[in-house]
Amino acid sequence: MDSMNREIKFRVWAETDEGTEMIYLGKSECDNGLWFDAPKHLDKYEALMQYTGKTDKVGWPIYEGDIVQRTKLVLDLDQPDYDELVEEKQQSVIVWRGKGFWVEDEGFGFEGEDLWDWDEIEVIGNIYENPELLK
């Protein structure tokens, strides 16, 4: 699905009668204008986050503010010849930058090195419900 035809969905981190919680708003709520009125319907409205149009490696939808994880192969610097690869787990956050969604810790080195492959990332939480997941 290209960015011009992606599904429009939002979620809101808000204070409700039951406590602070994440509320998901699908297309029908957005079409009815409910997400524009969300602050009026909620006691405390902290953040509105948009769906990126992408899913993680297990099919979970990815939103702004999600904490994602990838496993990367890196050289084991404790080995004498530096020729052994080990798995390293990295966490980062989905953010909006200028004209699109990015993984916050993506690098822009020579030839785009260290860009995260969206097909290999996994949503493990979000910055509101699971801030402790960021190291």
N, C-alpha and C. Protein backbone atom coordinates (compact mmCIF):
# COMPACT_ATOMS: atom_id res chain seq x y z
N MET A 1 0.85 -1.17 0.00
CA MET A 1 0.00 0.00 0.00
C MET A 1 0.90 1.23 0.00
N ASP A 2 0.75 2.10 -0.99
CA ASP A 2 1.59 3.29 -1.01
C ASP A 2 1.05 4.34 -0.04
N SER A 3 1.86 5.35 0.22
CA SER A 3 1.51 6.34 1.23
C SER A 3 0.27 7.15 0.87
N MET A 4 -0.04 7.27 -0.41
CA MET A 4 -1.22 8.03 -0.82
C MET A 4 -2.51 7.26 -0.53
N ASN A 5 -2.44 5.96 -0.43
CA ASN A 5 -3.63 5.14 -0.22
C ASN A 5 -3.63 4.42 1.13
N ARG A 6 -2.78 4.84 2.03
CA ARG A 6 -2.70 4.11 3.30
C ARG A 6 -3.93 4.39 4.16
N GLU A 7 -4.22 3.44 5.01
CA GLU A 7 -5.36 3.57 5.91
C GLU A 7 -5.08 4.66 6.95
N ILE A 8 -6.06 5.52 7.18
CA ILE A 8 -5.90 6.60 8.15
C ILE A 8 -6.53 6.16 9.47
N LYS A 9 -5.69 6.05 10.50
CA LYS A 9 -6.16 5.69 11.84
C LYS A 9 -5.32 6.49 12.83
N PHE A 10 -5.88 6.71 14.00
CA PHE A 10 -5.18 7.41 15.06
C PHE A 10 -5.37 6.67 16.37
N ARG A 11 -4.55 7.03 17.33
CA ARG A 11 -4.78 6.61 18.70
C ARG A 11 -4.49 7.81 19.60
N VAL A 12 -5.12 7.80 20.76
CA VAL A 12 -5.01 8.91 21.69
C VAL A 12 -4.56 8.37 23.05
N TRP A 13 -3.57 9.00 23.67
CA TRP A 13 -3.16 8.69 25.04
C TRP A 13 -3.89 9.71 25.90
N ALA A 14 -4.84 9.24 26.71
CA ALA A 14 -5.72 10.18 27.40
C ALA A 14 -6.15 9.67 28.76
N GLU A 15 -6.57 10.62 29.58
CA GLU A 15 -7.14 10.32 30.89
C GLU A 15 -8.64 10.08 30.70
N THR A 16 -9.11 8.93 31.14
CA THR A 16 -10.53 8.60 31.04
C THR A 16 -11.06 8.31 32.44
N ASP A 17 -12.31 7.95 32.55
CA ASP A 17 -12.89 7.59 33.85
C ASP A 17 -12.20 6.37 34.45
N GLU A 18 -11.66 5.50 33.59
CA GLU A 18 -10.99 4.29 34.07
C GLU A 18 -9.50 4.51 34.36
N GLY A 19 -8.97 5.68 34.05
CA GLY A 19 -7.55 5.97 34.23
C GLY A 19 -6.93 6.35 32.90
N THR A 20 -5.62 6.49 32.88
CA THR A 20 -4.94 6.85 31.64
C THR A 20 -4.84 5.62 30.76
N GLU A 21 -5.21 5.77 29.50
CA GLU A 21 -5.20 4.62 28.60
C GLU A 21 -5.04 5.05 27.15
N MET A 22 -4.70 4.07 26.31
CA MET A 22 -4.57 4.28 24.88
C MET A 22 -5.93 3.96 24.25
N ILE A 23 -6.45 4.90 23.48
CA ILE A 23 -7.74 4.73 22.81
C ILE A 23 -7.48 4.75 21.31
N TYR A 24 -7.92 3.69 20.62
CA TYR A 24 -7.70 3.57 19.18
C TYR A 24 -8.93 4.06 18.43
N LEU A 25 -8.68 4.90 17.42
CA LEU A 25 -9.75 5.46 16.60
C LEU A 25 -9.56 4.99 15.17
N GLY A 26 -10.50 4.22 14.66
CA GLY A 26 -10.42 3.71 13.30
C GLY A 26 -10.98 4.68 12.29
N LYS A 27 -11.07 4.23 11.06
CA LYS A 27 -11.52 5.07 9.96
C LYS A 27 -12.91 5.64 10.20
N SER A 28 -13.84 4.85 10.72
CA SER A 28 -15.20 5.34 10.91
C SER A 28 -15.24 6.50 11.91
N GLU A 29 -14.45 6.41 12.99
CA GLU A 29 -14.40 7.52 13.95
C GLU A 29 -13.78 8.76 13.33
N CYS A 30 -12.75 8.56 12.50
CA CYS A 30 -12.10 9.71 11.84
C CYS A 30 -13.05 10.35 10.84
N ASP A 31 -13.78 9.51 10.07
CA ASP A 31 -14.74 10.04 9.09
C ASP A 31 -15.85 10.83 9.76
N ASN A 32 -16.24 10.41 10.95
CA ASN A 32 -17.30 11.10 11.68
C ASN A 32 -16.79 12.33 12.43
N GLY A 33 -15.50 12.60 12.35
CA GLY A 33 -14.93 13.75 13.02
C GLY A 33 -14.68 13.55 14.51
N LEU A 34 -14.86 12.31 15.01
CA LEU A 34 -14.70 12.07 16.44
C LEU A 34 -13.29 12.41 16.92
N TRP A 35 -12.27 12.09 16.11
CA TRP A 35 -10.93 12.35 16.60
C TRP A 35 -10.67 13.84 16.75
N PHE A 36 -11.36 14.69 15.99
CA PHE A 36 -11.22 16.13 16.19
C PHE A 36 -11.82 16.55 17.52
N ASP A 37 -12.85 15.83 17.98
CA ASP A 37 -13.53 16.16 19.23
C ASP A 37 -12.96 15.42 20.43
N ALA A 38 -11.95 14.56 20.21
CA ALA A 38 -11.45 13.71 21.29
C ALA A 38 -11.12 14.48 22.56
N PRO A 39 -10.45 15.64 22.51
CA PRO A 39 -10.14 16.34 23.76
C PRO A 39 -11.39 16.75 24.54
N LYS A 40 -12.49 17.01 23.84
CA LYS A 40 -13.72 17.40 24.52
C LYS A 40 -14.35 16.22 25.25
N HIS A 41 -14.10 15.01 24.77
CA HIS A 41 -14.71 13.82 25.34
C HIS A 41 -13.85 13.16 26.43
N LEU A 42 -12.64 13.62 26.58
CA LEU A 42 -11.70 12.99 27.52
C LEU A 42 -11.27 14.00 28.56
N ASP A 43 -11.03 13.52 29.79
CA ASP A 43 -10.62 14.41 30.87
C ASP A 43 -9.25 15.04 30.61
N LYS A 44 -8.30 14.23 30.19
CA LYS A 44 -6.95 14.73 29.91
C LYS A 44 -6.45 14.10 28.63
N TYR A 45 -6.08 14.93 27.70
CA TYR A 45 -5.63 14.51 26.37
C TYR A 45 -4.15 14.83 26.26
N GLU A 46 -3.31 13.80 26.20
CA GLU A 46 -1.87 14.04 26.19
C GLU A 46 -1.26 13.97 24.80
N ALA A 47 -1.69 13.02 23.97
CA ALA A 47 -1.05 12.86 22.66
C ALA A 47 -2.00 12.23 21.66
N LEU A 48 -1.89 12.67 20.42
CA LEU A 48 -2.59 12.08 19.29
C LEU A 48 -1.52 11.49 18.38
N MET A 49 -1.61 10.21 18.08
CA MET A 49 -0.60 9.52 17.28
C MET A 49 -1.23 8.90 16.05
N GLN A 50 -0.57 9.05 14.91
CA GLN A 50 -1.09 8.55 13.65
C GLN A 50 -0.49 7.19 13.31
N TYR A 51 -1.30 6.37 12.65
CA TYR A 51 -0.87 5.07 12.12
C TYR A 51 0.06 5.33 10.94
N THR A 52 1.16 4.60 10.85
CA THR A 52 2.15 4.80 9.79
C THR A 52 1.73 4.19 8.46
N GLY A 53 0.77 3.29 8.49
CA GLY A 53 0.40 2.56 7.27
C GLY A 53 1.20 1.28 7.11
N LYS A 54 2.08 1.00 8.08
CA LYS A 54 2.92 -0.20 8.02
C LYS A 54 2.63 -1.10 9.21
N THR A 55 2.98 -2.37 9.04
CA THR A 55 2.88 -3.32 10.14
C THR A 55 4.26 -3.89 10.43
N ASP A 56 4.43 -4.41 11.65
CA ASP A 56 5.73 -4.99 12.01
C ASP A 56 5.83 -6.41 11.46
N LYS A 57 6.91 -7.11 11.81
CA LYS A 57 7.16 -8.43 11.24
C LYS A 57 6.13 -9.49 11.63
N VAL A 58 5.32 -9.23 12.64
CA VAL A 58 4.26 -10.18 13.00
C VAL A 58 2.87 -9.65 12.65
N GLY A 59 2.82 -8.53 11.93
CA GLY A 59 1.55 -7.99 11.47
C GLY A 59 0.88 -6.97 12.36
N TRP A 60 1.56 -6.53 13.43
CA TRP A 60 1.00 -5.54 14.35
C TRP A 60 1.12 -4.15 13.72
N PRO A 61 0.05 -3.32 13.74
CA PRO A 61 0.13 -1.98 13.16
C PRO A 61 1.12 -1.09 13.91
N ILE A 62 1.86 -0.28 13.16
CA ILE A 62 2.89 0.59 13.74
C ILE A 62 2.37 2.03 13.77
N TYR A 63 2.39 2.64 14.97
CA TYR A 63 1.95 4.02 15.17
C TYR A 63 3.12 4.89 15.61
N GLU A 64 2.96 6.20 15.45
CA GLU A 64 3.90 7.15 16.06
C GLU A 64 3.98 6.82 17.54
N GLY A 65 5.16 6.97 18.13
CA GLY A 65 5.32 6.72 19.56
C GLY A 65 5.52 5.27 19.93
N ASP A 66 5.44 4.36 18.94
CA ASP A 66 5.70 2.95 19.25
C ASP A 66 7.19 2.74 19.49
N ILE A 67 7.49 1.85 20.42
CA ILE A 67 8.86 1.42 20.65
C ILE A 67 9.03 0.15 19.83
N VAL A 68 10.02 0.17 18.95
CA VAL A 68 10.27 -0.97 18.08
C VAL A 68 11.64 -1.55 18.38
N GLN A 69 11.81 -2.80 18.00
CA GLN A 69 13.07 -3.50 18.25
C GLN A 69 13.49 -4.24 16.99
N ARG A 70 14.79 -4.30 16.79
CA ARG A 70 15.34 -5.11 15.72
C ARG A 70 16.53 -5.88 16.27
N THR A 71 16.85 -6.96 15.60
CA THR A 71 18.04 -7.73 15.94
C THR A 71 19.04 -7.50 14.82
N LYS A 72 20.22 -7.08 15.21
CA LYS A 72 21.26 -6.72 14.24
C LYS A 72 22.49 -7.58 14.51
N LEU A 73 23.15 -8.04 13.46
CA LEU A 73 24.40 -8.77 13.62
C LEU A 73 25.55 -7.77 13.66
N VAL A 74 26.37 -7.86 14.70
CA VAL A 74 27.52 -6.97 14.86
C VAL A 74 28.76 -7.78 15.17
N LEU A 75 29.92 -7.20 14.93
CA LEU A 75 31.17 -7.87 15.27
C LEU A 75 31.34 -7.94 16.77
N ASP A 76 31.78 -9.09 17.26
CA ASP A 76 32.06 -9.26 18.68
C ASP A 76 33.46 -8.72 18.96
N LEU A 77 33.54 -7.54 19.54
CA LEU A 77 34.83 -6.89 19.77
C LEU A 77 35.63 -7.53 20.89
N ASP A 78 35.03 -8.49 21.61
CA ASP A 78 35.76 -9.22 22.65
C ASP A 78 36.58 -10.37 22.06
N GLN A 79 36.35 -10.69 20.80
CA GLN A 79 37.10 -11.78 20.14
C GLN A 79 38.42 -11.22 19.59
N PRO A 80 39.50 -11.97 19.67
CA PRO A 80 40.80 -11.45 19.25
C PRO A 80 40.87 -11.04 17.78
N ASP A 81 40.21 -11.75 16.89
CA ASP A 81 40.30 -11.43 15.46
C ASP A 81 39.11 -10.60 14.96
N TYR A 82 38.19 -10.26 15.84
CA TYR A 82 36.98 -9.49 15.48
C TYR A 82 36.23 -10.11 14.30
N ASP A 83 36.26 -11.44 14.20
CA ASP A 83 35.63 -12.07 13.04
C ASP A 83 34.35 -12.84 13.39
N GLU A 84 33.90 -12.72 14.62
CA GLU A 84 32.69 -13.43 15.02
C GLU A 84 31.54 -12.44 15.14
N LEU A 85 30.40 -12.81 14.56
CA LEU A 85 29.22 -11.96 14.64
C LEU A 85 28.32 -12.42 15.78
N VAL A 86 27.76 -11.46 16.48
CA VAL A 86 26.80 -11.76 17.55
C VAL A 86 25.54 -10.94 17.31
N GLU A 87 24.42 -11.44 17.84
CA GLU A 87 23.17 -10.71 17.71
C GLU A 87 23.08 -9.63 18.78
N GLU A 88 22.64 -8.45 18.37
CA GLU A 88 22.45 -7.34 19.28
C GLU A 88 21.04 -6.79 19.07
N LYS A 89 20.28 -6.68 20.15
CA LYS A 89 18.93 -6.12 20.05
C LYS A 89 19.00 -4.61 20.25
N GLN A 90 18.31 -3.87 19.38
CA GLN A 90 18.28 -2.42 19.47
C GLN A 90 16.83 -1.97 19.54
N GLN A 91 16.57 -0.98 20.37
CA GLN A 91 15.24 -0.41 20.49
C GLN A 91 15.28 1.05 20.05
N SER A 92 14.17 1.51 19.49
CA SER A 92 14.04 2.90 19.10
C SER A 92 12.56 3.25 19.06
N VAL A 93 12.26 4.48 18.68
CA VAL A 93 10.89 5.00 18.68
C VAL A 93 10.51 5.45 17.27
N ILE A 94 9.25 5.25 16.91
CA ILE A 94 8.73 5.73 15.63
C ILE A 94 8.37 7.21 15.78
N VAL A 95 8.90 8.04 14.88
CA VAL A 95 8.68 9.49 14.93
C VAL A 95 8.29 10.01 13.55
N TRP A 96 7.70 11.19 13.52
CA TRP A 96 7.41 11.90 12.27
C TRP A 96 8.54 12.88 12.03
N ARG A 97 9.15 12.81 10.85
CA ARG A 97 10.23 13.74 10.50
C ARG A 97 9.91 14.37 9.15
N GLY A 98 9.57 15.62 9.17
CA GLY A 98 9.36 16.37 7.93
C GLY A 98 8.21 15.88 7.08
N LYS A 99 8.45 14.83 6.31
CA LYS A 99 7.44 14.35 5.36
C LYS A 99 7.15 12.86 5.50
N GLY A 100 7.56 12.25 6.60
CA GLY A 100 7.30 10.83 6.73
C GLY A 100 7.67 10.28 8.09
N PHE A 101 7.36 9.01 8.28
CA PHE A 101 7.66 8.32 9.53
C PHE A 101 9.04 7.69 9.45
N TRP A 102 9.76 7.74 10.56
CA TRP A 102 11.11 7.20 10.64
C TRP A 102 11.29 6.46 11.96
N VAL A 103 12.29 5.59 11.99
CA VAL A 103 12.77 5.03 13.25
C VAL A 103 13.75 6.07 13.78
N GLU A 104 13.52 6.55 14.99
CA GLU A 104 14.27 7.70 15.52
C GLU A 104 15.79 7.55 15.42
N ASP A 105 16.32 6.36 15.67
CA ASP A 105 17.77 6.17 15.70
C ASP A 105 18.38 5.76 14.37
N GLU A 106 17.62 5.93 13.27
CA GLU A 106 18.20 5.59 11.97
C GLU A 106 19.35 6.53 11.65
N GLY A 107 20.42 5.95 11.11
CA GLY A 107 21.56 6.75 10.70
C GLY A 107 21.48 7.07 9.22
N PHE A 108 22.26 8.05 8.80
CA PHE A 108 22.27 8.44 7.39
C PHE A 108 23.71 8.48 6.90
N GLY A 109 24.45 7.44 7.19
CA GLY A 109 25.85 7.39 6.78
C GLY A 109 25.99 7.13 5.30
N PHE A 110 27.18 6.77 4.90
CA PHE A 110 27.50 6.50 3.50
C PHE A 110 26.53 5.49 2.91
N GLU A 111 25.90 5.83 1.81
CA GLU A 111 24.94 4.98 1.09
C GLU A 111 23.79 4.50 1.97
N GLY A 112 23.37 5.33 2.92
CA GLY A 112 22.20 5.00 3.73
C GLY A 112 22.40 3.88 4.73
N GLU A 113 23.63 3.66 5.15
CA GLU A 113 23.88 2.58 6.11
C GLU A 113 23.12 2.81 7.40
N ASP A 114 22.80 1.73 8.06
CA ASP A 114 22.10 1.70 9.33
C ASP A 114 20.64 2.15 9.23
N LEU A 115 20.05 2.05 8.04
CA LEU A 115 18.62 2.27 7.94
C LEU A 115 17.91 1.00 8.39
N TRP A 116 16.88 1.14 9.16
CA TRP A 116 16.16 -0.02 9.67
C TRP A 116 15.24 -0.57 8.60
N ASP A 117 15.19 -1.88 8.47
CA ASP A 117 14.29 -2.55 7.53
C ASP A 117 12.94 -2.72 8.23
N TRP A 118 11.92 -2.03 7.74
CA TRP A 118 10.60 -2.04 8.38
C TRP A 118 10.01 -3.45 8.44
N ASP A 119 10.42 -4.33 7.54
CA ASP A 119 9.90 -5.71 7.55
C ASP A 119 10.52 -6.56 8.65
N GLU A 120 11.57 -6.06 9.28
CA GLU A 120 12.26 -6.83 10.31
C GLU A 120 12.08 -6.26 11.71
N ILE A 121 11.35 -5.16 11.86
CA ILE A 121 11.18 -4.60 13.19
C ILE A 121 9.94 -5.18 13.87
N GLU A 122 9.94 -5.10 15.18
CA GLU A 122 8.82 -5.60 15.98
C GLU A 122 8.41 -4.54 16.99
N VAL A 123 7.11 -4.29 17.07
CA VAL A 123 6.59 -3.37 18.08
C VAL A 123 6.63 -4.08 19.43
N ILE A 124 7.30 -3.46 20.41
CA ILE A 124 7.39 -4.08 21.74
C ILE A 124 6.70 -3.24 22.81
N GLY A 125 6.16 -2.08 22.43
CA GLY A 125 5.46 -1.22 23.38
C GLY A 125 5.33 0.16 22.79
N ASN A 126 5.06 1.14 23.66
CA ASN A 126 5.00 2.53 23.22
C ASN A 126 5.53 3.42 24.34
N ILE A 127 5.83 4.67 23.99
CA ILE A 127 6.51 5.57 24.93
C ILE A 127 5.64 5.97 26.12
N TYR A 128 4.34 5.77 26.05
CA TYR A 128 3.45 6.15 27.15
C TYR A 128 3.21 5.00 28.12
N GLU A 129 2.98 3.82 27.59
CA GLU A 129 2.69 2.67 28.46
C GLU A 129 3.93 1.90 28.88
N ASN A 130 5.02 2.01 28.12
CA ASN A 130 6.23 1.20 28.38
C ASN A 130 7.52 1.99 28.23
N PRO A 131 7.67 3.17 28.84
CA PRO A 131 8.89 3.96 28.65
C PRO A 131 10.14 3.25 29.13
N GLU A 132 10.00 2.30 30.03
CA GLU A 132 11.15 1.56 30.56
C GLU A 132 11.82 0.68 29.51
N LEU A 133 11.16 0.43 28.38
CA LEU A 133 11.74 -0.41 27.33
C LEU A 133 12.86 0.27 26.57
N LEU A 134 12.93 1.59 26.67
CA LEU A 134 14.03 2.31 26.02
C LEU A 134 15.23 2.30 26.94
N LYS A 135 16.33 1.83 26.43
CA LYS A 135 17.55 1.73 27.25
C LYS A 135 18.34 3.00 27.18
